[in-house]
Amino acid sequence: MMKVFKNMNLPALFCGALLFASVLAFASDSSDFEGRYLRERVEEIVMPESCGSPYREAPDFIQFYHATLLVMAAGESNSQERLTDLFAVLSLRERMRNIFPNIGEESPIDRLIIAQLCNFEGIEKAKRSSPAFRFVIAPTSNELHGHLVQIAPRLYQDSRKLMVEALAAQAKERKKFVDLERQWGRIQKLKSLGEDKIKNLFDESSF
């Protein structure tokens, strides 16, 4: 053991320690989930087993998708452009939930993400000799990484389209509200002018 450390470059070791400390500090400043995942490597996160259920665990699926992206981004073998698309989908999903807080537990972009994860599960199950064979899909699955890299552009385009449609619908509703507000203002103005027009009939001096 002493021999190993004797031959080590101590300045390099010190710089490595500083770099590791910087990574931990960065993780602490990141979102709670990302920081916790990068610091502790939450191995218990696995893909939910509710693809066939009408009451799917949407938050758990999204957390699993997020964890998978972190694992993929930490490596250097995946396409940066495709990973950017996958993270853009996550950002679009968060923006949609912020802009439309009453959207419900499972947003349209959530459904796209879950559909792709469940599609991958179906592909993997089909490879097994028995469809009932139980297996666990982890964020470290190379097969899952390959699947997500392959569908990344389409997933991004579909998610972007959903956001564009949602924003267009929101703008349409806002215009409708502005038009109604303008119409209501015109009605109230004309009503007030009508009241003013007959006011002199009821002045005390006219009786």
Protein backbone atom coordinates (compact mmCIF):
# COMPACT_ATOMS: atom_id res chain seq x y z
CA MET A 1 0.00 0.00 0.00
CA MET A 2 2.83 2.39 0.91
CA LYS A 3 4.55 1.55 -2.36
CA VAL A 4 1.49 2.63 -4.34
CA PHE A 5 1.31 6.02 -2.62
CA LYS A 6 5.07 6.47 -2.84
CA ASN A 7 4.93 6.46 -6.61
CA MET A 8 1.91 8.73 -6.84
CA ASN A 9 2.09 12.34 -7.96
CA LEU A 10 0.97 14.19 -4.79
CA PRO A 11 0.13 17.51 -6.56
CA ALA A 12 -2.03 15.55 -9.00
CA LEU A 13 -3.66 13.74 -6.10
CA PHE A 14 -4.35 17.08 -4.37
CA CYS A 15 -5.82 18.56 -7.54
CA GLY A 16 -7.96 15.45 -7.95
CA ALA A 17 -9.30 15.90 -4.43
CA LEU A 18 -10.11 19.53 -5.16
CA LEU A 19 -11.87 18.53 -8.38
CA PHE A 20 -13.93 15.92 -6.51
CA ALA A 21 -14.84 18.52 -3.88
CA SER A 22 -15.87 20.91 -6.66
CA VAL A 23 -18.11 18.25 -8.19
CA LEU A 24 -19.78 17.70 -4.82
CA ALA A 25 -20.24 21.46 -4.37
CA PHE A 26 -21.76 21.68 -7.86
CA ALA A 27 -24.08 18.80 -7.07
CA SER A 28 -25.18 20.57 -3.90
CA ASP A 29 -26.05 23.66 -5.93
CA SER A 30 -27.99 21.64 -8.51
CA SER A 31 -31.62 20.65 -8.10
CA ASP A 32 -32.31 18.47 -5.07
CA PHE A 33 -32.79 15.33 -7.15
CA GLU A 34 -29.73 15.82 -9.35
CA GLY A 35 -27.50 16.68 -6.40
CA ARG A 36 -28.68 13.70 -4.37
CA TYR A 37 -28.33 11.36 -7.34
CA LEU A 38 -24.83 12.52 -8.25
CA ARG A 39 -23.65 12.41 -4.63
CA GLU A 40 -25.26 9.18 -3.51
CA ARG A 41 -25.93 7.29 -6.77
CA VAL A 42 -29.43 6.28 -5.79
CA GLU A 43 -29.28 2.69 -6.98
CA GLU A 44 -32.79 1.89 -5.77
CA ILE A 45 -34.30 3.98 -8.58
CA VAL A 46 -35.69 1.53 -11.14
CA MET A 47 -38.34 1.79 -13.81
CA PRO A 48 -41.88 1.38 -12.38
CA GLU A 49 -43.72 -1.81 -13.29
CA SER A 50 -47.05 -0.15 -14.11
CA CYS A 51 -46.90 0.18 -17.91
CA GLY A 52 -50.07 -1.87 -18.28
CA SER A 53 -51.96 -0.01 -15.57
CA PRO A 54 -54.43 2.81 -16.32
CA TYR A 55 -53.17 4.49 -13.14
CA ARG A 56 -49.50 4.74 -13.98
CA GLU A 57 -47.02 6.24 -11.54
CA ALA A 58 -46.22 9.30 -13.68
CA PRO A 59 -43.89 11.06 -11.17
CA ASP A 60 -41.89 7.84 -10.69
CA PHE A 61 -41.55 7.37 -14.46
CA ILE A 62 -40.30 10.96 -14.86
CA GLN A 63 -37.84 10.55 -11.98
CA PHE A 64 -36.55 7.37 -13.63
CA TYR A 65 -36.21 9.17 -17.00
CA HIS A 66 -34.34 12.00 -15.26
CA ALA A 67 -32.00 9.56 -13.48
CA THR A 68 -31.30 7.79 -16.77
CA LEU A 69 -30.34 11.08 -18.45
CA LEU A 70 -27.96 11.85 -15.58
CA VAL A 71 -26.24 8.49 -16.03
CA MET A 72 -26.03 8.99 -19.81
CA ALA A 73 -24.69 12.54 -19.47
CA ALA A 74 -22.05 11.43 -16.95
CA GLY A 75 -20.60 9.10 -19.60
CA GLU A 76 -18.90 10.30 -22.74
CA SER A 77 -19.98 7.65 -25.23
CA ASN A 78 -23.41 9.10 -26.06
CA SER A 79 -24.20 11.69 -28.72
CA GLN A 80 -24.22 15.20 -27.24
CA GLU A 81 -26.85 16.34 -29.74
CA ARG A 82 -29.19 13.46 -28.87
CA LEU A 83 -28.67 14.00 -25.13
CA THR A 84 -29.45 17.68 -25.61
CA ASP A 85 -32.74 16.65 -27.24
CA LEU A 86 -33.56 14.36 -24.29
CA PHE A 87 -32.80 17.06 -21.73
CA ALA A 88 -34.81 19.55 -23.81
CA VAL A 89 -37.81 17.21 -23.48
CA LEU A 90 -37.38 17.29 -19.70
CA SER A 91 -37.17 21.10 -19.77
CA LEU A 92 -40.28 21.35 -21.94
CA ARG A 93 -42.09 19.08 -19.51
CA GLU A 94 -41.13 21.31 -16.56
CA ARG A 95 -42.10 24.48 -18.46
CA MET A 96 -45.47 23.00 -19.36
CA ARG A 97 -46.19 22.17 -15.72
CA ASN A 98 -45.16 25.69 -14.64
CA ILE A 99 -47.22 27.45 -17.32
CA PHE A 100 -50.23 25.16 -16.90
CA PRO A 101 -50.32 24.27 -13.17
CA ASN A 102 -53.80 22.74 -13.47
CA ILE A 103 -52.77 20.29 -16.17
CA GLY A 104 -53.18 17.26 -13.92
CA GLU A 105 -50.82 14.61 -12.59
CA GLU A 106 -49.85 13.31 -16.05
CA SER A 107 -49.16 15.99 -18.66
CA PRO A 108 -49.15 15.31 -22.43
CA ILE A 109 -45.33 15.36 -22.43
CA ASP A 110 -45.33 12.97 -19.46
CA ARG A 111 -47.39 10.60 -21.59
CA LEU A 112 -44.85 10.80 -24.44
CA ILE A 113 -41.95 10.01 -22.11
CA ILE A 114 -43.81 7.16 -20.40
CA ALA A 115 -44.89 5.74 -23.78
CA GLN A 116 -41.26 5.51 -24.91
CA LEU A 117 -40.11 3.92 -21.65
CA CYS A 118 -42.93 1.39 -21.83
CA ASN A 119 -42.20 0.79 -25.51
CA PHE A 120 -38.64 -0.10 -24.54
CA GLU A 121 -39.95 -2.43 -21.83
CA GLY A 122 -42.14 -4.17 -24.43
CA ILE A 123 -39.17 -4.61 -26.78
CA GLU A 124 -37.07 -6.11 -23.98
CA LYS A 125 -39.88 -8.43 -22.85
CA ALA A 126 -40.27 -9.71 -26.40
CA LYS A 127 -36.64 -10.82 -26.33
CA ARG A 128 -37.25 -13.03 -23.29
CA SER A 129 -38.27 -16.66 -23.65
CA SER A 130 -41.21 -16.09 -21.31
CA PRO A 131 -43.29 -12.88 -21.46
CA ALA A 132 -44.01 -13.33 -17.75
CA PHE A 133 -40.30 -13.24 -16.93
CA ARG A 134 -39.74 -10.46 -14.40
CA PHE A 135 -36.79 -8.20 -14.99
CA VAL A 136 -35.71 -4.83 -13.64
CA ILE A 137 -34.78 -1.88 -15.86
CA ALA A 138 -32.23 0.41 -14.22
CA PRO A 139 -31.01 3.89 -15.28
CA THR A 140 -27.66 2.27 -16.10
CA SER A 141 -29.14 -0.02 -18.79
CA ASN A 142 -27.05 0.32 -21.95
CA GLU A 143 -29.96 -1.03 -23.99
CA LEU A 144 -32.22 1.72 -22.63
CA HIS A 145 -29.57 4.33 -23.39
CA GLY A 146 -29.39 3.11 -26.98
CA HIS A 147 -33.17 3.21 -27.30
CA LEU A 148 -33.40 6.77 -25.96
CA VAL A 149 -30.56 7.98 -28.20
CA GLN A 150 -32.34 6.47 -31.20
CA ILE A 151 -35.72 8.09 -30.50
CA ALA A 152 -34.39 11.38 -29.07
CA PRO A 153 -35.03 13.62 -32.14
CA ARG A 154 -38.60 12.36 -32.59
CA LEU A 155 -39.35 12.60 -28.86
CA TYR A 156 -38.10 16.19 -28.83
CA GLN A 157 -40.04 17.18 -31.95
CA ASP A 158 -43.26 15.64 -30.61
CA SER A 159 -42.78 17.31 -27.20
CA ARG A 160 -42.05 20.65 -28.85
CA LYS A 161 -45.16 20.30 -30.99
CA LEU A 162 -47.28 19.67 -27.89
CA MET A 163 -45.85 22.77 -26.22
CA VAL A 164 -46.44 24.91 -29.31
CA GLU A 165 -50.05 23.69 -29.49
CA ALA A 166 -50.56 24.34 -25.77
CA LEU A 167 -49.14 27.87 -26.03
CA ALA A 168 -51.28 28.56 -29.09
CA ALA A 169 -54.39 27.37 -27.23
CA GLN A 170 -53.43 29.55 -24.26
CA ALA A 171 -52.94 32.59 -26.53
CA LYS A 172 -56.33 31.93 -28.14
CA GLU A 173 -58.00 31.79 -24.71
CA ARG A 174 -56.26 34.99 -23.66
CA LYS A 175 -57.43 36.75 -26.82
CA LYS A 176 -60.94 35.52 -26.16
CA PHE A 177 -60.75 36.90 -22.62
CA VAL A 178 -59.40 40.25 -23.87
CA ASP A 179 -62.19 40.44 -26.47
CA LEU A 180 -64.84 39.66 -23.83
CA GLU A 181 -63.32 42.24 -21.50
CA ARG A 182 -63.39 44.83 -24.29
CA GLN A 183 -67.00 43.96 -25.13
CA TRP A 184 -67.98 44.17 -21.46
CA GLY A 185 -66.27 47.56 -21.19
CA ARG A 186 -68.16 48.84 -24.25
CA ILE A 187 -71.46 47.55 -22.84
CA GLN A 188 -70.83 49.25 -19.50
CA LYS A 189 -69.81 52.49 -21.21
CA LEU A 190 -72.95 52.59 -23.38
CA LYS A 191 -75.09 51.68 -20.39
CA SER A 192 -73.57 54.57 -18.43
CA LEU A 193 -74.12 56.98 -21.34
CA GLY A 194 -77.75 55.85 -21.49
CA GLU A 195 -78.17 56.58 -17.80
CA ASP A 196 -76.59 60.02 -18.25
CA LYS A 197 -78.92 60.79 -21.15
CA ILE A 198 -82.04 60.44 -19.03
CA LYS A 199 -80.60 61.87 -15.82
CA ASN A 200 -82.04 65.36 -16.41
CA LEU A 201 -85.56 63.90 -16.41
CA PHE A 202 -85.15 63.02 -12.76
CA ASP A 203 -83.41 66.14 -11.47
CA GLU A 204 -85.16 67.55 -8.39
CA SER A 205 -85.50 70.90 -10.11
CA SER A 206 -87.67 69.34 -12.81
CA PHE A 207 -90.43 68.40 -10.30
